[in-house]
C-alpha atoms as a PDB file:
ATOM      1  CA  MET A   1     -48.728 -13.122 -55.075  1.00  0.00           C
ATOM      2  CA  MET A   2     -51.313 -10.738 -53.515  1.00  0.00           C
ATOM      3  CA  ASN A   3     -51.153 -12.398 -50.342  1.00  0.00           C
ATOM      4  CA  MET A   4     -47.078 -11.699 -50.103  1.00  0.00           C
ATOM      5  CA  ALA A   5     -47.580  -8.259 -51.336  1.00  0.00           C
ATOM      6  CA  TRP A   6     -50.312  -7.777 -48.704  1.00  0.00           C
ATOM      7  CA  ARG A   7     -48.423  -9.108 -45.607  1.00  0.00           C
ATOM      8  CA  ARG A   8     -45.133  -6.835 -46.720  1.00  0.00           C
ATOM      9  CA  TRP A   9     -47.742  -3.806 -46.526  1.00  0.00           C
ATOM     10  CA  MET A  10     -49.226  -5.063 -42.980  1.00  0.00           C
ATOM     11  CA  ASP A  11     -45.632  -5.494 -42.014  1.00  0.00           C
ATOM     12  CA  ALA A  12     -44.444  -1.847 -42.996  1.00  0.00           C
ATOM     13  CA  LEU A  13     -47.516  -0.676 -41.145  1.00  0.00           C
ATOM     14  CA  ALA A  14     -47.075  -2.028 -38.391  1.00  0.00           C
ATOM     15  CA  VAL A  15     -43.270  -0.708 -38.032  1.00  0.00           C
ATOM     16  CA  VAL A  16     -44.302   2.389 -38.919  1.00  0.00           C
ATOM     17  CA  ALA A  17     -47.492   2.016 -36.335  1.00  0.00           C
ATOM     18  CA  GLY A  18     -45.246   0.964 -33.736  1.00  0.00           C
ATOM     19  CA  ARG A  19     -42.941   3.852 -34.280  1.00  0.00           C
ATOM     20  CA  LEU A  20     -45.409   5.906 -33.972  1.00  0.00           C
ATOM     21  CA  ASN A  21     -47.033   3.948 -30.719  1.00  0.00           C
ATOM     22  CA  VAL A  22     -43.973   4.523 -29.082  1.00  0.00           C
ATOM     23  CA  LYS A  23     -43.593   8.242 -29.554  1.00  0.00           C
ATOM     24  CA  GLY A  24     -46.927   9.164 -29.098  1.00  0.00           C
ATOM     25  CA  THR A  25     -46.982   6.601 -25.485  1.00  0.00           C
ATOM     26  CA  ALA A  26     -43.403   8.574 -24.401  1.00  0.00           C
ATOM     27  CA  GLY A  27     -44.875  11.926 -25.044  1.00  0.00           C
ATOM     28  CA  VAL A  28     -48.097  11.285 -23.338  1.00  0.00           C
ATOM     29  CA  ALA A  29     -46.403  10.040 -20.609  1.00  0.00           C
ATOM     30  CA  SER A  30     -43.833  12.901 -20.240  1.00  0.00           C
ATOM     31  CA  ARG A  31     -46.506  15.084 -20.809  1.00  0.00           C
ATOM     32  CA  SER A  32     -49.536  13.265 -18.331  1.00  0.00           C
ATOM     33  CA  GLY A  33     -46.275  12.140 -15.442  1.00  0.00           C
ATOM     34  CA  ASN A  34     -47.261   9.207 -15.723  1.00  0.00           C
END
């Protein structure tokens, strides 16, 4: 039960981190011009 909750939590974090990472890299790329 704990393992399933942990996997769900990590998946949620991965999704959020992925969205933030995409937005962050896009923002940095547009700012730096790379």
